[in-house]
Structures are given as C-alpha cells and as structure tokens.
Amino acid sequence: MAVPRKRKSASRRGNQRSHDALKRPVLARCPSCEAPKLPHRMCSACGWYGDRTVVAVEAD
C-alpha cells in the first residue's frame, strides 16, 4: 500500500481547505422593482427578467 513520504503540515492542510468555506450569495437589484435577486434569474417579487415581464405575479 502506498504511504505518504512526509506528513503535511497544518499550514499546507489549511491552504488546501481555504476554498471550503461557505460564501454569501451575490445579490443584484431588480431593474423594475429594486428587490434583491440572484443574477441571471427572474425576480420573484415582480416576475421581471431581462427587459420584460416573464411571469405575472399575484399581488398580496
């Protein structure tokens, strides 16, 4: 069975895991209603995507 020649130091182990942290989602503003939304997705508040209304959303 293959065995590593030398043990990895804590610093190198931490560098490998540096990308595993959770990141906050990037939010953009809807151009029509200014609600926060994910980029390249339809606005859940008003149904706007691109330059037109894609889905009619019921008003509460």
N, C-alpha and C. Protein backbone atom coordinates (compact mmCIF):
# COMPACT_ATOMS: atom_id res chain seq x y z
N MET A 1 0.84 -1.18 0.00
CA MET A 1 0.00 0.00 0.00
C MET A 1 0.89 1.25 0.00
N ALA A 2 0.53 2.25 -0.73
CA ALA A 2 1.33 3.46 -0.81
C ALA A 2 1.17 4.28 0.47
N VAL A 3 2.28 4.80 0.95
CA VAL A 3 2.29 5.60 2.17
C VAL A 3 2.93 6.94 1.85
N PRO A 4 2.35 8.07 2.31
CA PRO A 4 2.98 9.36 2.06
C PRO A 4 4.36 9.42 2.70
N ARG A 5 5.31 10.00 1.99
CA ARG A 5 6.68 10.04 2.49
C ARG A 5 6.79 10.97 3.69
N LYS A 6 6.13 12.12 3.63
CA LYS A 6 6.19 13.07 4.74
C LYS A 6 4.79 13.54 5.07
N ARG A 7 4.60 13.86 6.31
CA ARG A 7 3.31 14.36 6.78
C ARG A 7 3.11 15.79 6.29
N LYS A 8 1.88 16.12 5.92
CA LYS A 8 1.59 17.50 5.52
C LYS A 8 1.48 18.37 6.76
N SER A 9 2.06 19.54 6.69
CA SER A 9 1.99 20.46 7.82
C SER A 9 0.58 21.04 7.93
N ALA A 10 0.27 21.60 9.10
CA ALA A 10 -1.04 22.19 9.33
C ALA A 10 -1.28 23.37 8.39
N SER A 11 -0.22 24.09 8.06
CA SER A 11 -0.35 25.22 7.15
C SER A 11 -0.75 24.77 5.75
N ARG A 12 -0.10 23.74 5.23
CA ARG A 12 -0.45 23.24 3.90
C ARG A 12 -1.85 22.63 3.89
N ARG A 13 -2.20 21.95 4.97
CA ARG A 13 -3.54 21.37 5.06
C ARG A 13 -4.59 22.48 5.06
N GLY A 14 -4.31 23.56 5.78
CA GLY A 14 -5.24 24.69 5.81
C GLY A 14 -5.36 25.38 4.47
N ASN A 15 -4.25 25.45 3.71
CA ASN A 15 -4.29 26.07 2.39
C ASN A 15 -5.14 25.26 1.43
N GLN A 16 -5.13 23.95 1.56
CA GLN A 16 -5.98 23.13 0.70
C GLN A 16 -7.45 23.37 1.00
N ARG A 17 -7.76 23.63 2.24
CA ARG A 17 -9.15 23.78 2.67
C ARG A 17 -9.63 25.22 2.62
N SER A 18 -8.84 26.12 2.06
CA SER A 18 -9.19 27.53 2.09
C SER A 18 -10.43 27.84 1.25
N HIS A 19 -10.76 26.99 0.28
CA HIS A 19 -11.91 27.24 -0.59
C HIS A 19 -13.16 26.54 -0.11
N ASP A 20 -13.10 25.85 1.02
CA ASP A 20 -14.25 25.09 1.50
C ASP A 20 -15.23 25.93 2.31
N ALA A 21 -14.87 27.16 2.63
CA ALA A 21 -15.73 27.99 3.47
C ALA A 21 -17.00 28.37 2.72
N LEU A 22 -18.08 28.55 3.45
CA LEU A 22 -19.35 28.97 2.84
C LEU A 22 -19.26 30.45 2.47
N LYS A 23 -19.77 30.77 1.31
CA LYS A 23 -19.75 32.16 0.85
C LYS A 23 -21.18 32.68 0.77
N ARG A 24 -21.33 33.97 1.00
CA ARG A 24 -22.64 34.59 0.89
C ARG A 24 -23.04 34.69 -0.57
N PRO A 25 -24.32 34.47 -0.90
CA PRO A 25 -24.74 34.58 -2.30
C PRO A 25 -24.64 36.03 -2.78
N VAL A 26 -24.25 36.19 -4.03
CA VAL A 26 -24.16 37.52 -4.64
C VAL A 26 -25.56 37.93 -5.06
N LEU A 27 -25.99 39.10 -4.63
CA LEU A 27 -27.33 39.58 -4.97
C LEU A 27 -27.23 40.80 -5.87
N ALA A 28 -28.13 40.87 -6.83
CA ALA A 28 -28.25 42.03 -7.71
C ALA A 28 -29.60 42.69 -7.44
N ARG A 29 -29.80 43.88 -7.93
CA ARG A 29 -31.07 44.59 -7.77
C ARG A 29 -31.91 44.42 -9.03
N CYS A 30 -33.19 44.18 -8.85
CA CYS A 30 -34.11 44.09 -9.97
C CYS A 30 -34.25 45.48 -10.59
N PRO A 31 -34.16 45.61 -11.91
CA PRO A 31 -34.25 46.94 -12.51
C PRO A 31 -35.65 47.55 -12.44
N SER A 32 -36.68 46.73 -12.27
CA SER A 32 -38.02 47.31 -12.26
C SER A 32 -38.53 47.60 -10.85
N CYS A 33 -38.24 46.70 -9.88
CA CYS A 33 -38.80 46.92 -8.53
C CYS A 33 -37.73 47.11 -7.46
N GLU A 34 -36.45 47.03 -7.83
CA GLU A 34 -35.32 47.23 -6.93
C GLU A 34 -35.24 46.21 -5.80
N ALA A 35 -35.90 45.06 -5.94
CA ALA A 35 -35.81 44.00 -4.94
C ALA A 35 -34.52 43.21 -5.16
N PRO A 36 -33.91 42.68 -4.10
CA PRO A 36 -32.71 41.87 -4.31
C PRO A 36 -33.06 40.53 -4.95
N LYS A 37 -32.22 40.11 -5.90
CA LYS A 37 -32.45 38.84 -6.59
C LYS A 37 -31.11 38.26 -7.00
N LEU A 38 -31.08 36.97 -7.32
CA LEU A 38 -29.87 36.35 -7.82
C LEU A 38 -29.66 36.77 -9.27
N PRO A 39 -28.41 37.01 -9.69
CA PRO A 39 -28.18 37.41 -11.07
C PRO A 39 -28.55 36.30 -12.05
N HIS A 40 -28.99 36.68 -13.22
CA HIS A 40 -29.40 35.77 -14.30
C HIS A 40 -30.60 34.92 -13.90
N ARG A 41 -31.44 35.44 -13.01
CA ARG A 41 -32.64 34.74 -12.59
C ARG A 41 -33.81 35.72 -12.62
N MET A 42 -35.00 35.18 -12.75
CA MET A 42 -36.19 36.01 -12.75
C MET A 42 -36.40 36.60 -11.35
N CYS A 43 -36.93 37.80 -11.28
CA CYS A 43 -37.24 38.43 -9.99
C CYS A 43 -38.49 37.76 -9.43
N SER A 44 -38.38 37.25 -8.20
CA SER A 44 -39.53 36.58 -7.60
C SER A 44 -40.58 37.57 -7.10
N ALA A 45 -40.21 38.83 -6.94
CA ALA A 45 -41.16 39.82 -6.44
C ALA A 45 -42.08 40.34 -7.55
N CYS A 46 -41.53 40.57 -8.75
CA CYS A 46 -42.35 41.16 -9.81
C CYS A 46 -42.40 40.33 -11.09
N GLY A 47 -41.60 39.26 -11.22
CA GLY A 47 -41.63 38.42 -12.41
C GLY A 47 -40.86 38.98 -13.58
N TRP A 48 -40.00 39.94 -13.36
CA TRP A 48 -39.24 40.61 -14.41
C TRP A 48 -37.96 39.84 -14.72
N TYR A 49 -37.62 39.68 -16.00
CA TYR A 49 -36.33 39.12 -16.40
C TYR A 49 -35.89 39.77 -17.69
N GLY A 50 -34.67 40.24 -17.73
CA GLY A 50 -34.15 40.90 -18.92
C GLY A 50 -34.81 42.26 -19.10
N ASP A 51 -35.64 42.40 -20.11
CA ASP A 51 -36.29 43.68 -20.35
C ASP A 51 -37.80 43.54 -20.43
N ARG A 52 -38.36 42.45 -19.86
CA ARG A 52 -39.81 42.27 -19.93
C ARG A 52 -40.30 41.44 -18.76
N THR A 53 -41.61 41.46 -18.56
CA THR A 53 -42.23 40.64 -17.54
C THR A 53 -42.45 39.24 -18.10
N VAL A 54 -41.89 38.24 -17.43
CA VAL A 54 -41.96 36.87 -17.91
C VAL A 54 -43.14 36.15 -17.28
N VAL A 55 -43.36 36.36 -15.98
CA VAL A 55 -44.42 35.69 -15.25
C VAL A 55 -45.25 36.74 -14.53
N ALA A 56 -46.54 36.60 -14.61
CA ALA A 56 -47.41 37.51 -13.88
C ALA A 56 -47.48 37.03 -12.42
N VAL A 57 -47.08 37.91 -11.49
CA VAL A 57 -47.06 37.59 -10.08
C VAL A 57 -48.27 38.21 -9.41
N GLU A 58 -48.93 37.42 -8.57
CA GLU A 58 -50.11 37.93 -7.87
C GLU A 58 -49.71 38.90 -6.79
N ALA A 59 -50.45 39.98 -6.63
CA ALA A 59 -50.19 40.96 -5.57
C ALA A 59 -50.85 40.48 -4.28
N ASP A 60 -50.11 40.61 -3.19
CA ASP A 60 -50.66 40.20 -1.89
C ASP A 60 -51.40 41.32 -1.20
